[in-house]
Amino acid sequence: MEKIRFLNDQNVYDGEVYVRGNIAKIKYHHAFPSQDIMENGFELLNENNGLVQGEYPTYTTIYRTYENDPMLVELSNDGSVYVAPPEPRPYVPTEEEIAEQ
């Protein structure tokens, strides 16, 4: 479990942070900060002494949220946002395929 502090907020949040490339995935355990707080970058703090272990000031865009897990959010550091893939269209056989059957 990590201690997360946002740059415009002195509150410390408990959670798990996974940073991969331009995306930081944060799974909060209890309290969940507001969107405007999350859009200012964050620091990871040492859970024993509160010293800063990692700085992520450029992760300022809400990349993705999850309806089925409101305590999970992804932030991006390049302004990108998640775009869901289009729903697949059902297969409709052609008249020729129907005739062959």
PDB file of N, CA and C in Angstrom:
ATOM      1  N   MET A   1       0.840  -1.164   0.000  1.00  0.00           N
ATOM      2  CA  MET A   1       0.000   0.000   0.000  1.00  0.00           C
ATOM      3  C   MET A   1       0.896   1.241   0.000  1.00  0.00           C
ATOM      4  N   GLU A   2       0.515   2.212  -0.838  1.00  0.00           N
ATOM      5  CA  GLU A   2       1.261   3.458  -0.898  1.00  0.00           C
ATOM      6  C   GLU A   2       0.484   4.582  -0.215  1.00  0.00           C
ATOM      7  N   LYS A   3       1.222   5.607   0.135  1.00  0.00           N
ATOM      8  CA  LYS A   3       0.651   6.849   0.636  1.00  0.00           C
ATOM      9  C   LYS A   3       0.744   7.844  -0.509  1.00  0.00           C
ATOM     10  N   ILE A   4      -0.382   8.436  -0.887  1.00  0.00           N
ATOM     11  CA  ILE A   4      -0.464   9.319  -2.043  1.00  0.00           C
ATOM     12  C   ILE A   4      -0.858  10.712  -1.562  1.00  0.00           C
ATOM     13  N   ARG A   5      -0.088  11.715  -1.995  1.00  0.00           N
ATOM     14  CA  ARG A   5      -0.430  13.101  -1.676  1.00  0.00           C
ATOM     15  C   ARG A   5      -0.423  13.897  -2.976  1.00  0.00           C
ATOM     16  N   PHE A   6      -1.524  14.583  -3.233  1.00  0.00           N
ATOM     17  CA  PHE A   6      -1.623  15.411  -4.430  1.00  0.00           C
ATOM     18  C   PHE A   6      -1.005  16.769  -4.165  1.00  0.00           C
ATOM     19  N   LEU A   7      -0.472  17.371  -5.220  1.00  0.00           N
ATOM     20  CA  LEU A   7       0.330  18.578  -5.069  1.00  0.00           C
ATOM     21  C   LEU A   7      -0.454  19.787  -4.587  1.00  0.00           C
ATOM     22  N   ASN A   8      -1.764  19.807  -4.776  1.00  0.00           N
ATOM     23  CA  ASN A   8      -2.568  20.935  -4.312  1.00  0.00           C
ATOM     24  C   ASN A   8      -3.394  20.582  -3.077  1.00  0.00           C
ATOM     25  N   ASP A   9      -3.025  19.519  -2.392  1.00  0.00           N
ATOM     26  CA  ASP A   9      -3.806  19.026  -1.265  1.00  0.00           C
ATOM     27  C   ASP A   9      -2.853  18.387  -0.270  1.00  0.00           C
ATOM     28  N   GLN A  10      -2.971  18.704   0.995  1.00  0.00           N
ATOM     29  CA  GLN A  10      -2.075  18.131   2.001  1.00  0.00           C
ATOM     30  C   GLN A  10      -2.604  16.829   2.596  1.00  0.00           C
ATOM     31  N   ASN A  11      -3.814  16.406   2.195  1.00  0.00           N
ATOM     32  CA  ASN A  11      -4.334  15.130   2.664  1.00  0.00           C
ATOM     33  C   ASN A  11      -3.522  13.994   2.066  1.00  0.00           C
ATOM     34  N   VAL A  12      -3.415  12.919   2.805  1.00  0.00           N
ATOM     35  CA  VAL A  12      -2.706  11.725   2.340  1.00  0.00           C
ATOM     36  C   VAL A  12      -3.735  10.617   2.167  1.00  0.00           C
ATOM     37  N   TYR A  13      -3.686   9.964   1.003  1.00  0.00           N
ATOM     38  CA  TYR A  13      -4.636   8.913   0.655  1.00  0.00           C
ATOM     39  C   TYR A  13      -3.908   7.578   0.593  1.00  0.00           C
ATOM     40  N   ASP A  14      -4.567   6.531   1.063  1.00  0.00           N
ATOM     41  CA  ASP A  14      -4.021   5.179   0.980  1.00  0.00           C
ATOM     42  C   ASP A  14      -4.484   4.527  -0.309  1.00  0.00           C
ATOM     43  N   GLY A  15      -3.578   3.822  -0.950  1.00  0.00           N
ATOM     44  CA  GLY A  15      -3.961   3.124  -2.171  1.00  0.00           C
ATOM     45  C   GLY A  15      -2.800   2.369  -2.771  1.00  0.00           C
ATOM     46  N   GLU A  16      -3.030   1.894  -3.967  1.00  0.00           N
ATOM     47  CA  GLU A  16      -2.011   1.189  -4.738  1.00  0.00           C
ATOM     48  C   GLU A  16      -1.819   1.959  -6.035  1.00  0.00           C
ATOM     49  N   VAL A  17      -0.577   2.188  -6.413  1.00  0.00           N
ATOM     50  CA  VAL A  17      -0.263   2.962  -7.610  1.00  0.00           C
ATOM     51  C   VAL A  17       0.597   2.116  -8.535  1.00  0.00           C
ATOM     52  N   TYR A  18       0.198   2.059  -9.803  1.00  0.00           N
ATOM     53  CA  TYR A  18       0.963   1.378 -10.837  1.00  0.00           C
ATOM     54  C   TYR A  18       1.202   2.377 -11.956  1.00  0.00           C
ATOM     55  N   VAL A  19       2.452   2.691 -12.221  1.00  0.00           N
ATOM     56  CA  VAL A  19       2.788   3.629 -13.285  1.00  0.00           C
ATOM     57  C   VAL A  19       3.427   2.836 -14.409  1.00  0.00           C
ATOM     58  N   ARG A  20       2.827   2.944 -15.575  1.00  0.00           N
ATOM     59  CA  ARG A  20       3.350   2.264 -16.759  1.00  0.00           C
ATOM     60  C   ARG A  20       3.246   3.226 -17.925  1.00  0.00           C
ATOM     61  N   GLY A  21       4.383   3.673 -18.408  1.00  0.00           N
ATOM     62  CA  GLY A  21       4.394   4.605 -19.528  1.00  0.00           C
ATOM     63  C   GLY A  21       3.731   5.910 -19.152  1.00  0.00           C
ATOM     64  N   ASN A  22       2.745   6.309 -19.931  1.00  0.00           N
ATOM     65  CA  ASN A  22       2.062   7.585 -19.714  1.00  0.00           C
ATOM     66  C   ASN A  22       0.841   7.474 -18.815  1.00  0.00           C
ATOM     67  N   ILE A  23       0.610   6.307 -18.241  1.00  0.00           N
ATOM     68  CA  ILE A  23      -0.596   6.086 -17.435  1.00  0.00           C
ATOM     69  C   ILE A  23      -0.218   5.683 -16.010  1.00  0.00           C
ATOM     70  N   ALA A  24      -0.874   6.329 -15.044  1.00  0.00           N
ATOM     71  CA  ALA A  24      -0.751   5.951 -13.636  1.00  0.00           C
ATOM     72  C   ALA A  24      -2.116   5.462 -13.180  1.00  0.00           C
ATOM     73  N   LYS A  25      -2.172   4.217 -12.752  1.00  0.00           N
ATOM     74  CA  LYS A  25      -3.428   3.622 -12.270  1.00  0.00           C
ATOM     75  C   LYS A  25      -3.405   3.671 -10.745  1.00  0.00           C
ATOM     76  N   ILE A  26      -4.436   4.275 -10.172  1.00  0.00           N
ATOM     77  CA  ILE A  26      -4.514   4.420  -8.717  1.00  0.00           C
ATOM     78  C   ILE A  26      -5.780   3.740  -8.216  1.00  0.00           C
ATOM     79  N   LYS A  27      -5.599   2.806  -7.294  1.00  0.00           N
ATOM     80  CA  LYS A  27      -6.707   2.109  -6.640  1.00  0.00           C
ATOM     81  C   LYS A  27      -6.736   2.588  -5.197  1.00  0.00           C
ATOM     82  N   TYR A  28      -7.721   3.434  -4.871  1.00  0.00           N
ATOM     83  CA  TYR A  28      -7.835   3.980  -3.520  1.00  0.00           C
ATOM     84  C   TYR A  28      -8.429   2.940  -2.589  1.00  0.00           C
ATOM     85  N   HIS A  29      -8.023   3.001  -1.312  1.00  0.00           N
ATOM     86  CA  HIS A  29      -8.530   2.043  -0.336  1.00  0.00           C
ATOM     87  C   HIS A  29      -9.700   2.596   0.466  1.00  0.00           C
ATOM     88  N   HIS A  30      -9.661   3.883   0.801  1.00  0.00           N
ATOM     89  CA  HIS A  30     -10.722   4.435   1.655  1.00  0.00           C
ATOM     90  C   HIS A  30     -11.259   5.729   1.059  1.00  0.00           C
ATOM     91  N   ALA A  31     -10.587   6.812   1.331  1.00  0.00           N
ATOM     92  CA  ALA A  31     -11.031   8.126   0.835  1.00  0.00           C
ATOM     93  C   ALA A  31     -10.645   8.294  -0.630  1.00  0.00           C
ATOM     94  N   PHE A  32     -11.458   9.059  -1.328  1.00  0.00           N
ATOM     95  CA  PHE A  32     -11.262   9.298  -2.752  1.00  0.00           C
ATOM     96  C   PHE A  32     -11.285  10.805  -2.972  1.00  0.00           C
ATOM     97  N   PRO A  33     -10.186  11.396  -3.500  1.00  0.00           N
ATOM     98  CA  PRO A  33     -10.164  12.846  -3.682  1.00  0.00           C
ATOM     99  C   PRO A  33     -11.055  13.284  -4.843  1.00  0.00           C
ATOM    100  N   SER A  34     -11.387  14.551  -4.854  1.00  0.00           N
ATOM    101  CA  SER A  34     -12.198  15.086  -5.943  1.00  0.00           C
ATOM    102  C   SER A  34     -11.370  15.183  -7.220  1.00  0.00           C
ATOM    103  N   GLN A  35     -12.056  15.319  -8.343  1.00  0.00           N
ATOM    104  CA  GLN A  35     -11.379  15.353  -9.642  1.00  0.00           C
ATOM    105  C   GLN A  35     -10.418  16.539  -9.733  1.00  0.00           C
ATOM    106  N   ASP A  36     -10.805  17.707  -9.226  1.00  0.00           N
ATOM    107  CA  ASP A  36      -9.914  18.861  -9.330  1.00  0.00           C
ATOM    108  C   ASP A  36      -8.636  18.673  -8.526  1.00  0.00           C
ATOM    109  N   ILE A  37      -8.682  17.914  -7.457  1.00  0.00           N
ATOM    110  CA  ILE A  37      -7.469  17.612  -6.690  1.00  0.00           C
ATOM    111  C   ILE A  37      -6.571  16.667  -7.483  1.00  0.00           C
ATOM    112  N   MET A  38      -7.174  15.650  -8.114  1.00  0.00           N
ATOM    113  CA  MET A  38      -6.371  14.663  -8.856  1.00  0.00           C
ATOM    114  C   MET A  38      -5.718  15.251 -10.100  1.00  0.00           C
ATOM    115  N   GLU A  39      -6.169  16.391 -10.568  1.00  0.00           N
ATOM    116  CA  GLU A  39      -5.649  16.970 -11.808  1.00  0.00           C
ATOM    117  C   GLU A  39      -4.456  17.902 -11.582  1.00  0.00           C
ATOM    118  N   ASN A  40      -3.681  17.655 -10.526  1.00  0.00           N
ATOM    119  CA  ASN A  40      -2.538  18.513 -10.224  1.00  0.00           C
ATOM    120  C   ASN A  40      -1.265  17.740  -9.957  1.00  0.00           C
ATOM    121  N   GLY A  41      -1.200  16.480 -10.335  1.00  0.00           N
ATOM    122  CA  GLY A  41      -0.010  15.687 -10.082  1.00  0.00           C
ATOM    123  C   GLY A  41       0.008  15.181  -8.643  1.00  0.00           C
ATOM    124  N   PHE A  42       0.909  14.224  -8.390  1.00  0.00           N
ATOM    125  CA  PHE A  42       0.941  13.623  -7.055  1.00  0.00           C
ATOM    126  C   PHE A  42       2.353  13.194  -6.685  1.00  0.00           C
ATOM    127  N   GLU A  43       2.490  12.861  -5.409  1.00  0.00           N
ATOM    128  CA  GLU A  43       3.739  12.321  -4.868  1.00  0.00           C
ATOM    129  C   GLU A  43       3.405  11.022  -4.145  1.00  0.00           C
ATOM    130  N   LEU A  44       4.359  10.119  -4.132  1.00  0.00           N
ATOM    131  CA  LEU A  44       4.249   8.921  -3.305  1.00  0.00           C
ATOM    132  C   LEU A  44       5.134   9.129  -2.085  1.00  0.00           C
ATOM    133  N   LEU A  45       4.574   8.843  -0.917  1.00  0.00           N
ATOM    134  CA  LEU A  45       5.288   9.057   0.332  1.00  0.00           C
ATOM    135  C   LEU A  45       5.683   7.732   0.959  1.00  0.00           C
ATOM    136  N   ASN A  46       6.797   7.738   1.650  1.00  0.00           N
ATOM    137  CA  ASN A  46       7.213   6.574   2.418  1.00  0.00           C
ATOM    138  C   ASN A  46       6.216   6.385   3.549  1.00  0.00           C
ATOM    139  N   GLU A  47       5.668   5.183   3.679  1.00  0.00           N
ATOM    140  CA  GLU A  47       4.631   4.961   4.682  1.00  0.00           C
ATOM    141  C   GLU A  47       5.162   5.003   6.106  1.00  0.00           C
ATOM    142  N   ASN A  48       6.469   4.873   6.289  1.00  0.00           N
ATOM    143  CA  ASN A  48       7.039   4.877   7.635  1.00  0.00           C
ATOM    144  C   ASN A  48       7.427   6.272   8.124  1.00  0.00           C
ATOM    145  N   ASN A  49       7.973   7.100   7.232  1.00  0.00           N
ATOM    146  CA  ASN A  49       8.442   8.397   7.692  1.00  0.00           C
ATOM    147  C   ASN A  49       7.849   9.582   6.919  1.00  0.00           C
ATOM    148  N   GLY A  50       7.014   9.337   5.927  1.00  0.00           N
ATOM    149  CA  GLY A  50       6.352  10.413   5.198  1.00  0.00           C
ATOM    150  C   GLY A  50       7.219  11.155   4.202  1.00  0.00           C
ATOM    151  N   LEU A  51       8.459  10.716   3.999  1.00  0.00           N
ATOM    152  CA  LEU A  51       9.323  11.372   3.021  1.00  0.00           C
ATOM    153  C   LEU A  51       8.891  11.030   1.600  1.00  0.00           C
ATOM    154  N   VAL A  52       9.092  11.952   0.685  1.00  0.00           N
ATOM    155  CA  VAL A  52       8.705  11.753  -0.711  1.00  0.00           C
ATOM    156  C   VAL A  52       9.611  10.709  -1.347  1.00  0.00           C
ATOM    157  N   GLN A  53       9.001   9.674  -1.914  1.00  0.00           N
ATOM    158  CA  GLN A  53       9.729   8.601  -2.602  1.00  0.00           C
ATOM    159  C   GLN A  53       9.655   8.737  -4.110  1.00  0.00           C
ATOM    160  N   GLY A  54       8.581   9.333  -4.601  1.00  0.00           N
ATOM    161  CA  GLY A  54       8.396   9.476  -6.034  1.00  0.00           C
ATOM    162  C   GLY A  54       7.567  10.698  -6.331  1.00  0.00           C
ATOM    163  N   GLU A  55       7.932  11.394  -7.407  1.00  0.00           N
ATOM    164  CA  GLU A  55       7.207  12.593  -7.799  1.00  0.00           C
ATOM    165  C   GLU A  55       6.621  12.397  -9.193  1.00  0.00           C
ATOM    166  N   TYR A  56       5.333  12.692  -9.337  1.00  0.00           N
ATOM    167  CA  TYR A  56       4.608  12.522 -10.594  1.00  0.00           C
ATOM    168  C   TYR A  56       3.798  13.783 -10.887  1.00  0.00           C
ATOM    169  N   PRO A  57       4.460  14.923 -11.050  1.00  0.00           N
ATOM    170  CA  PRO A  57       3.738  16.190 -11.221  1.00  0.00           C
ATOM    171  C   PRO A  57       3.040  16.338 -12.568  1.00  0.00           C
ATOM    172  N   THR A  58       3.411  15.535 -13.555  1.00  0.00           N
ATOM    173  CA  THR A  58       2.820  15.693 -14.889  1.00  0.00           C
ATOM    174  C   THR A  58       1.585  14.826 -15.117  1.00  0.00           C
ATOM    175  N   TYR A  59       1.223  13.978 -14.180  1.00  0.00           N
ATOM    176  CA  TYR A  59       0.031  13.137 -14.319  1.00  0.00           C
ATOM    177  C   TYR A  59      -1.179  13.956 -13.873  1.00  0.00           C
ATOM    178  N   THR A  60      -1.714  14.750 -14.801  1.00  0.00           N
ATOM    179  CA  THR A  60      -2.734  15.741 -14.463  1.00  0.00           C
ATOM    180  C   THR A  60      -4.039  15.584 -15.239  1.00  0.00           C
ATOM    181  N   THR A  61      -4.157  14.550 -16.039  1.00  0.00           N
ATOM    182  CA  THR A  61      -5.371  14.343 -16.834  1.00  0.00           C
ATOM    183  C   THR A  61      -6.063  13.067 -16.385  1.00  0.00           C
ATOM    184  N   ILE A  62      -7.377  13.152 -16.149  1.00  0.00           N
ATOM    185  CA  ILE A  62      -8.145  11.945 -15.845  1.00  0.00           C
ATOM    186  C   ILE A  62      -8.230  11.150 -17.143  1.00  0.00           C
ATOM    187  N   TYR A  63      -7.512  10.041 -17.196  1.00  0.00           N
ATOM    188  CA  TYR A  63      -7.480   9.211 -18.394  1.00  0.00           C
ATOM    189  C   TYR A  63      -8.714   8.317 -18.463  1.00  0.00           C
ATOM    190  N   ARG A  64      -9.039   7.687 -17.326  1.00  0.00           N
ATOM    191  CA  ARG A  64     -10.156   6.736 -17.324  1.00  0.00           C
ATOM    192  C   ARG A  64     -10.675   6.537 -15.908  1.00  0.00           C
ATOM    193  N   THR A  65     -11.993   6.388 -15.800  1.00  0.00           N
ATOM    194  CA  THR A  65     -12.628   5.981 -14.550  1.00  0.00           C
ATOM    195  C   THR A  65     -13.413   4.703 -14.828  1.00  0.00           C
ATOM    196  N   TYR A  66     -13.820   4.033 -13.786  1.00  0.00           N
ATOM    197  CA  TYR A  66     -14.507   2.749 -13.928  1.00  0.00           C
ATOM    198  C   TYR A  66     -15.836   2.793 -13.176  1.00  0.00           C
ATOM    199  N   GLU A  67     -16.926   2.570 -13.894  1.00  0.00           N
ATOM    200  CA  GLU A  67     -18.245   2.550 -13.256  1.00  0.00           C
ATOM    201  C   GLU A  67     -18.361   1.410 -12.261  1.00  0.00           C
ATOM    202  N   ASN A  68     -17.784   0.262 -12.593  1.00  0.00           N
ATOM    203  CA  ASN A  68     -17.902  -0.907 -11.719  1.00  0.00           C
ATOM    204  C   ASN A  68     -16.920  -0.872 -10.553  1.00  0.00           C
ATOM    205  N   ASP A  69     -15.993   0.090 -10.533  1.00  0.00           N
ATOM    206  CA  ASP A  69     -15.053   0.236  -9.428  1.00  0.00           C
ATOM    207  C   ASP A  69     -14.754   1.726  -9.232  1.00  0.00           C
ATOM    208  N   PRO A  70     -15.592   2.432  -8.495  1.00  0.00           N
ATOM    209  CA  PRO A  70     -15.426   3.879  -8.354  1.00  0.00           C
ATOM    210  C   PRO A  70     -14.162   4.288  -7.601  1.00  0.00           C
ATOM    211  N   MET A  71     -13.471   3.355  -6.973  1.00  0.00           N
ATOM    212  CA  MET A  71     -12.234   3.676  -6.254  1.00  0.00           C
ATOM    213  C   MET A  71     -10.998   3.532  -7.135  1.00  0.00           C
ATOM    214  N   LEU A  72     -11.198   3.274  -8.419  1.00  0.00           N
ATOM    215  CA  LEU A  72     -10.106   3.089  -9.362  1.00  0.00           C
ATOM    216  C   LEU A  72     -10.132   4.200 -10.401  1.00  0.00           C
ATOM    217  N   VAL A  73      -8.983   4.819 -10.621  1.00  0.00           N
ATOM    218  CA  VAL A  73      -8.875   5.885 -11.611  1.00  0.00           C
ATOM    219  C   VAL A  73      -7.508   5.788 -12.284  1.00  0.00           C
ATOM    220  N   GLU A  74      -7.453   6.200 -13.529  1.00  0.00           N
ATOM    221  CA  GLU A  74      -6.188   6.259 -14.248  1.00  0.00           C
ATOM    222  C   GLU A  74      -5.932   7.703 -14.654  1.00  0.00           C
ATOM    223  N   LEU A  75      -4.693   8.143 -14.483  1.00  0.00           N
ATOM    224  CA  LEU A  75      -4.268   9.490 -14.855  1.00  0.00           C
ATOM    225  C   LEU A  75      -3.244   9.382 -15.973  1.00  0.00           C
ATOM    226  N   SER A  76      -3.230  10.365 -16.874  1.00  0.00           N
ATOM    227  CA  SER A  76      -2.212  10.370 -17.920  1.00  0.00           C
ATOM    228  C   SER A  76      -1.348  11.615 -17.782  1.00  0.00           C
ATOM    229  N   ASN A  77      -0.133  11.515 -18.319  1.00  0.00           N
ATOM    230  CA  ASN A  77       0.788  12.649 -18.247  1.00  0.00           C
ATOM    231  C   ASN A  77       0.978  13.317 -19.603  1.00  0.00           C
ATOM    232  N   ASP A  78       0.177  12.926 -20.588  1.00  0.00           N
ATOM    233  CA  ASP A  78       0.317  13.502 -21.925  1.00  0.00           C
ATOM    234  C   ASP A  78      -1.002  14.068 -22.465  1.00  0.00           C
ATOM    235  N   GLY A  79      -1.986  14.230 -21.595  1.00  0.00           N
ATOM    236  CA  GLY A  79      -3.268  14.793 -22.012  1.00  0.00           C
ATOM    237  C   GLY A  79      -4.208  13.807 -22.667  1.00  0.00           C
ATOM    238  N   SER A  80      -3.795  12.562 -22.822  1.00  0.00           N
ATOM    239  CA  SER A  80      -4.658  11.588 -23.486  1.00  0.00           C
ATOM    240  C   SER A  80      -5.762  11.119 -22.547  1.00  0.00           C
ATOM    241  N   VAL A  81      -6.896  10.728 -23.143  1.00  0.00           N
ATOM    242  CA  VAL A  81      -8.022  10.170 -22.404  1.00  0.00           C
ATOM    243  C   VAL A  81      -8.449   8.872 -23.086  1.00  0.00           C
ATOM    244  N   TYR A  82      -8.994   7.984 -22.311  1.00  0.00           N
ATOM    245  CA  TYR A  82      -9.424   6.679 -22.803  1.00  0.00           C
ATOM    246  C   TYR A  82     -10.641   6.831 -23.706  1.00  0.00           C
ATOM    247  N   VAL A  83     -10.594   6.143 -24.831  1.00  0.00           N
ATOM    248  CA  VAL A  83     -11.736   6.080 -25.740  1.00  0.00           C
ATOM    249  C   VAL A  83     -12.114   4.607 -25.859  1.00  0.00           C
ATOM    250  N   ALA A  84     -13.324   4.295 -25.439  1.00  0.00           N
ATOM    251  CA  ALA A  84     -13.782   2.904 -25.484  1.00  0.00           C
ATOM    252  C   ALA A  84     -13.865   2.434 -26.931  1.00  0.00           C
ATOM    253  N   PRO A  85     -13.503   1.176 -27.175  1.00  0.00           N
ATOM    254  CA  PRO A  85     -13.636   0.667 -28.538  1.00  0.00           C
ATOM    255  C   PRO A  85     -15.108   0.596 -28.927  1.00  0.00           C
ATOM    256  N   PRO A  86     -15.409   0.738 -30.203  1.00  0.00           N
ATOM    257  CA  PRO A  86     -16.810   0.693 -30.626  1.00  0.00           C
ATOM    258  C   PRO A  86     -17.396  -0.701 -30.382  1.00  0.00           C
ATOM    259  N   GLU A  87     -18.683  -0.716 -30.136  1.00  0.00           N
ATOM    260  CA  GLU A  87     -19.379  -1.992 -29.955  1.00  0.00           C
ATOM    261  C   GLU A  87     -19.318  -2.772 -31.262  1.00  0.00           C
ATOM    262  N   PRO A  88     -19.024  -4.059 -31.192  1.00  0.00           N
ATOM    263  CA  PRO A  88     -18.997  -4.829 -32.437  1.00  0.00           C
ATOM    264  C   PRO A  88     -20.404  -4.945 -33.025  1.00  0.00           C
ATOM    265  N   ARG A  89     -20.466  -4.832 -34.328  1.00  0.00           N
ATOM    266  CA  ARG A  89     -21.758  -4.963 -34.992  1.00  0.00           C
ATOM    267  C   ARG A  89     -22.045  -6.448 -35.201  1.00  0.00           C
ATOM    268  N   PRO A  90     -23.294  -6.842 -35.043  1.00  0.00           N
ATOM    269  CA  PRO A  90     -23.618  -8.255 -35.256  1.00  0.00           C
ATOM    270  C   PRO A  90     -23.410  -8.632 -36.723  1.00  0.00           C
ATOM    271  N   TYR A  91     -23.024  -9.865 -36.912  1.00  0.00           N
ATOM    272  CA  TYR A  91     -22.804 -10.365 -38.269  1.00  0.00           C
ATOM    273  C   TYR A  91     -24.153 -10.558 -38.962  1.00  0.00           C
ATOM    274  N   VAL A  92     -24.265  -9.995 -40.137  1.00  0.00           N
ATOM    275  CA  VAL A  92     -25.484 -10.149 -40.945  1.00  0.00           C
ATOM    276  C   VAL A  92     -25.045 -10.798 -42.254  1.00  0.00           C
ATOM    277  N   PRO A  93     -25.496 -12.025 -42.492  1.00  0.00           N
ATOM    278  CA  PRO A  93     -25.078 -12.699 -43.726  1.00  0.00           C
ATOM    279  C   PRO A  93     -25.652 -12.004 -44.961  1.00  0.00           C
ATOM    280  N   THR A  94     -24.899 -12.088 -46.037  1.00  0.00           N
ATOM    281  CA  THR A  94     -25.371 -11.509 -47.301  1.00  0.00           C
ATOM    282  C   THR A  94     -26.462 -12.399 -47.883  1.00  0.00           C
ATOM    283  N   GLU A  95     -27.159 -11.891 -48.873  1.00  0.00           N
ATOM    284  CA  GLU A  95     -28.201 -12.682 -49.526  1.00  0.00           C
ATOM    285  C   GLU A  95     -27.591 -13.921 -50.164  1.00  0.00           C
ATOM    286  N   GLU A  96     -26.384 -13.801 -50.729  1.00  0.00           N
ATOM    287  CA  GLU A  96     -25.712 -14.944 -51.350  1.00  0.00           C
ATOM    288  C   GLU A  96     -25.414 -16.027 -50.315  1.00  0.00           C
ATOM    289  N   GLU A  97     -24.945 -15.622 -49.128  1.00  0.00           N
ATOM    290  CA  GLU A  97     -24.649 -16.602 -48.078  1.00  0.00           C
ATOM    291  C   GLU A  97     -25.921 -17.313 -47.630  1.00  0.00           C
ATOM    292  N   ILE A  98     -27.010 -16.573 -47.539  1.00  0.00           N
ATOM    293  CA  ILE A  98     -28.280 -17.172 -47.149  1.00  0.00           C
ATOM    294  C   ILE A  98     -28.739 -18.170 -48.204  1.00  0.00           C
ATOM    295  N   ALA A  99     -28.588 -17.800 -49.483  1.00  0.00           N
ATOM    296  CA  ALA A  99     -29.004 -18.675 -50.561  1.00  0.00           C
ATOM    297  C   ALA A  99     -28.177 -19.955 -50.579  1.00  0.00           C
ATOM    298  N   GLU A 100     -26.884 -19.857 -50.257  1.00  0.00           N
ATOM    299  CA  GLU A 100     -25.997 -21.036 -50.260  1.00  0.00           C
ATOM    300  C   GLU A 100     -26.381 -22.026 -49.156  1.00  0.00           C
ATOM    301  N   GLN A 101     -26.943 -21.527 -48.082  1.00  0.00           N
ATOM    302  CA  GLN A 101     -27.300 -22.406 -46.957  1.00  0.00           C
ATOM    303  C   GLN A 101     -28.548 -23.166 -47.313  1.00  0.00           C
TER     304      GLN A 101
END
